[in-house]
PDB file of N, CA and C in Angstrom:
ATOM      1  N   MET A   1      74.087  93.308 124.544  1.00  0.00           N
ATOM      2  CA  MET A   1      75.553  93.221 123.329  1.00  0.00           C
ATOM      3  C   MET A   1      75.793  94.054 122.670  1.00  0.00           C
ATOM      4  N   PHE A   2      74.629  94.970 122.079  1.00  0.00           N
ATOM      5  CA  PHE A   2      74.834  95.654 121.058  1.00  0.00           C
ATOM      6  C   PHE A   2      75.533  97.002 122.024  1.00  0.00           C
ATOM      7  N   HIS A   3      74.741  97.623 123.285  1.00  0.00           N
ATOM      8  CA  HIS A   3      75.309  98.183 124.284  1.00  0.00           C
ATOM      9  C   HIS A   3      76.470  98.478 123.892  1.00  0.00           C
ATOM     10  N   GLU A   4      77.240  97.373 124.434  1.00  0.00           N
ATOM     11  CA  GLU A   4      78.841  97.322 124.371  1.00  0.00           C
ATOM     12  C   GLU A   4      79.500  97.146 123.085  1.00  0.00           C
ATOM     13  N   LEU A   5      78.912  96.513 122.546  1.00  0.00           N
ATOM     14  CA  LEU A   5      79.049  96.988 120.546  1.00  0.00           C
ATOM     15  C   LEU A   5      79.307  98.666 120.698  1.00  0.00           C
ATOM     16  N   ALA A   6      78.503  99.138 120.897  1.00  0.00           N
ATOM     17  CA  ALA A   6      78.417 100.716 120.293  1.00  0.00           C
ATOM     18  C   ALA A   6      79.308 101.020 121.198  1.00  0.00           C
ATOM     19  N   GLU A   7      79.372 101.103 122.473  1.00  0.00           N
ATOM     20  CA  GLU A   7      80.444 101.828 123.446  1.00  0.00           C
ATOM     21  C   GLU A   7      81.980 101.747 122.961  1.00  0.00           C
ATOM     22  N   ILE A   8      81.875 100.270 122.243  1.00  0.00           N
ATOM     23  CA  ILE A   8      83.378 100.529 121.883  1.00  0.00           C
ATOM     24  C   ILE A   8      83.382 100.938 120.574  1.00  0.00           C
ATOM     25  N   MET A   9      83.034 101.118 119.948  1.00  0.00           N
ATOM     26  CA  MET A   9      83.238 102.160 118.531  1.00  0.00           C
ATOM     27  C   MET A   9      83.233 103.286 118.974  1.00  0.00           C
ATOM     28  N   SER A  10      82.139 103.977 119.466  1.00  0.00           N
ATOM     29  CA  SER A  10      82.012 104.976 119.886  1.00  0.00           C
ATOM     30  C   SER A  10      83.548 105.561 121.109  1.00  0.00           C
ATOM     31  N   ASP A  11      84.265 104.767 121.561  1.00  0.00           N
ATOM     32  CA  ASP A  11      85.219 104.879 121.760  1.00  0.00           C
ATOM     33  C   ASP A  11      86.669 105.050 120.627  1.00  0.00           C
ATOM     34  N   MET A  12      86.198 104.143 119.657  1.00  0.00           N
ATOM     35  CA  MET A  12      87.324 103.718 118.894  1.00  0.00           C
ATOM     36  C   MET A  12      87.141 105.232 117.948  1.00  0.00           C
ATOM     37  N   ASP A  13      85.839 105.332 117.561  1.00  0.00           N
ATOM     38  CA  ASP A  13      85.461 107.025 117.034  1.00  0.00           C
ATOM     39  C   ASP A  13      86.412 108.070 117.445  1.00  0.00           C
ATOM     40  N   ALA A  14      86.307 108.579 118.578  1.00  0.00           N
ATOM     41  CA  ALA A  14      87.108 109.136 119.809  1.00  0.00           C
ATOM     42  C   ALA A  14      88.128 109.193 119.630  1.00  0.00           C
ATOM     43  N   GLU A  15      88.918 107.765 119.807  1.00  0.00           N
ATOM     44  CA  GLU A  15      90.520 107.927 119.292  1.00  0.00           C
ATOM     45  C   GLU A  15      91.368 108.373 118.003  1.00  0.00           C
ATOM     46  N   ILE A  16      90.319 107.920 116.774  1.00  0.00           N
ATOM     47  CA  ILE A  16      90.606 108.312 115.394  1.00  0.00           C
ATOM     48  C   ILE A  16      90.317 109.764 115.552  1.00  0.00           C
ATOM     49  N   ARG A  17      89.813 110.307 116.088  1.00  0.00           N
ATOM     50  CA  ARG A  17      89.723 111.614 116.189  1.00  0.00           C
ATOM     51  C   ARG A  17      90.959 112.716 116.760  1.00  0.00           C
ATOM     52  N   ALA A  18      91.136 112.102 117.527  1.00  0.00           N
ATOM     53  CA  ALA A  18      92.485 112.284 118.861  1.00  0.00           C
ATOM     54  C   ALA A  18      93.709 112.250 118.039  1.00  0.00           C
ATOM     55  N   VAL A  19      93.632 111.247 117.132  1.00  0.00           N
ATOM     56  CA  VAL A  19      95.082 110.629 116.301  1.00  0.00           C
ATOM     57  C   VAL A  19      95.047 111.966 115.012  1.00  0.00           C
ATOM     58  N   GLU A  20      93.372 111.841 114.722  1.00  0.00           N
ATOM     59  CA  GLU A  20      93.544 112.843 113.044  1.00  0.00           C
ATOM     60  C   GLU A  20      93.726 114.708 113.659  1.00  0.00           C
ATOM     61  N   GLU A  21      93.661 114.615 115.197  1.00  0.00           N
ATOM     62  CA  GLU A  21      93.959 115.996 115.135  1.00  0.00           C
ATOM     63  C   GLU A  21      95.145 116.482 115.370  1.00  0.00           C
ATOM     64  N   LYS A  22      96.018 115.282 116.081  1.00  0.00           N
ATOM     65  CA  LYS A  22      97.500 115.130 116.433  1.00  0.00           C
ATOM     66  C   LYS A  22      98.124 115.022 114.698  1.00  0.00           C
ATOM     67  N   LEU A  23      97.644 114.592 113.858  1.00  0.00           N
ATOM     68  CA  LEU A  23      98.566 114.400 112.721  1.00  0.00           C
ATOM     69  C   LEU A  23      98.216 115.428 112.039  1.00  0.00           C
ATOM     70  N   SER A  24      97.090 116.220 112.614  1.00  0.00           N
ATOM     71  CA  SER A  24      97.339 117.724 111.889  1.00  0.00           C
ATOM     72  C   SER A  24      98.024 118.427 111.984  1.00  0.00           C
ATOM     73  N   LYS A  25      98.083 118.846 113.339  1.00  0.00           N
ATOM     74  CA  LYS A  25      99.033 119.559 114.370  1.00  0.00           C
ATOM     75  C   LYS A  25     100.663 118.990 113.574  1.00  0.00           C
ATOM     76  N   VAL A  26     100.819 117.915 114.100  1.00  0.00           N
ATOM     77  CA  VAL A  26     102.769 117.469 113.274  1.00  0.00           C
ATOM     78  C   VAL A  26     103.001 117.985 111.851  1.00  0.00           C
ATOM     79  N   ARG A  27     101.536 117.643 111.119  1.00  0.00           N
ATOM     80  CA  ARG A  27     101.501 118.264 109.853  1.00  0.00           C
ATOM     81  C   ARG A  27     102.031 119.713 109.791  1.00  0.00           C
ATOM     82  N   GLY A  28     101.401 121.020 110.263  1.00  0.00           N
ATOM     83  CA  GLY A  28     101.783 121.726 110.537  1.00  0.00           C
ATOM     84  C   GLY A  28     102.887 122.282 110.936  1.00  0.00           C
ATOM     85  N   VAL A  29     103.478 121.360 111.546  1.00  0.00           N
ATOM     86  CA  VAL A  29     105.141 121.766 112.355  1.00  0.00           C
ATOM     87  C   VAL A  29     105.818 121.519 111.131  1.00  0.00           C
ATOM     88  N   LYS A  30     105.212 120.063 110.459  1.00  0.00           N
ATOM     89  CA  LYS A  30     106.310 119.812 108.954  1.00  0.00           C
ATOM     90  C   LYS A  30     106.239 120.847 108.411  1.00  0.00           C
ATOM     91  N   ALA A  31     105.190 121.500 107.723  1.00  0.00           N
ATOM     92  CA  ALA A  31     105.387 122.522 107.002  1.00  0.00           C
ATOM     93  C   ALA A  31     106.074 123.550 107.198  1.00  0.00           C
ATOM     94  N   GLY A  32     106.025 123.941 108.936  1.00  0.00           N
ATOM     95  CA  GLY A  32     106.715 125.455 108.961  1.00  0.00           C
ATOM     96  C   GLY A  32     108.011 125.249 109.365  1.00  0.00           C
ATOM     97  N   MET A  33     108.773 123.867 109.667  1.00  0.00           N
ATOM     98  CA  MET A  33     110.041 123.390 109.436  1.00  0.00           C
ATOM     99  C   MET A  33     110.586 123.685 108.444  1.00  0.00           C
ATOM    100  N   MET A  34     109.640 123.063 107.295  1.00  0.00           N
ATOM    101  CA  MET A  34     110.166 122.938 105.571  1.00  0.00           C
ATOM    102  C   MET A  34     110.736 124.410 105.190  1.00  0.00           C
ATOM    103  N   SER A  35     109.769 125.304 105.897  1.00  0.00           N
ATOM    104  CA  SER A  35     109.773 126.817 105.532  1.00  0.00           C
ATOM    105  C   SER A  35     110.941 127.288 105.504  1.00  0.00           C
ATOM    106  N   ALA A  36     110.775 126.839 106.989  1.00  0.00           N
ATOM    107  CA  ALA A  36     111.979 127.808 107.806  1.00  0.00           C
ATOM    108  C   ALA A  36     113.655 126.983 107.267  1.00  0.00           C
ATOM    109  N   LEU A  37     113.407 125.868 106.799  1.00  0.00           N
ATOM    110  CA  LEU A  37     114.959 125.071 106.139  1.00  0.00           C
ATOM    111  C   LEU A  37     114.910 125.460 104.656  1.00  0.00           C
ATOM    112  N   LEU A  38     113.911 125.486 104.046  1.00  0.00           N
ATOM    113  CA  LEU A  38     114.171 126.199 102.495  1.00  0.00           C
ATOM    114  C   LEU A  38     114.205 127.658 102.337  1.00  0.00           C
ATOM    115  N   THR A  39     113.619 128.670 103.357  1.00  0.00           N
ATOM    116  CA  THR A  39     114.615 129.999 103.291  1.00  0.00           C
ATOM    117  C   THR A  39     115.740 130.194 103.727  1.00  0.00           C
ATOM    118  N   GLY A  40     116.213 128.613 104.382  1.00  0.00           N
ATOM    119  CA  GLY A  40     117.639 129.345 105.002  1.00  0.00           C
ATOM    120  C   GLY A  40     117.288 129.774 106.025  1.00  0.00           C
ATOM    121  N   ARG A  41     116.313 130.235 106.992  1.00  0.00           N
ATOM    122  CA  ARG A  41     116.437 130.421 107.775  1.00  0.00           C
ATOM    123  C   ARG A  41     116.909 129.678 109.624  1.00  0.00           C
ATOM    124  N   VAL A  42     116.839 128.518 109.095  1.00  0.00           N
ATOM    125  CA  VAL A  42     117.745 127.265 109.997  1.00  0.00           C
ATOM    126  C   VAL A  42     118.179 127.019 109.110  1.00  0.00           C
ATOM    127  N   ARG A  43     119.474 126.152 109.381  1.00  0.00           N
ATOM    128  CA  ARG A  43     120.246 125.603 109.237  1.00  0.00           C
ATOM    129  C   ARG A  43     120.359 124.268 110.042  1.00  0.00           C
ATOM    130  N   LEU A  44     120.651 123.071 109.147  1.00  0.00           N
ATOM    131  CA  LEU A  44     121.181 121.673 109.677  1.00  0.00           C
ATOM    132  C   LEU A  44     122.392 121.890 109.535  1.00  0.00           C
ATOM    133  N   VAL A  45     123.603 121.275 110.796  1.00  0.00           N
ATOM    134  CA  VAL A  45     124.265 120.968 110.314  1.00  0.00           C
ATOM    135  C   VAL A  45     125.009 119.545 110.918  1.00  0.00           C
TER     136      VAL A  45
END
């Protein structure tokens, strides 16, 4: 029973790490796009 629970918790930790890594990358893209928009290098029509 405890082995199965530990395995589930380990899988959840791995998934959380993957989502946090993706979030970090998306935040980086957002920061770059905001910079491009605010400097006028990119325009939205």
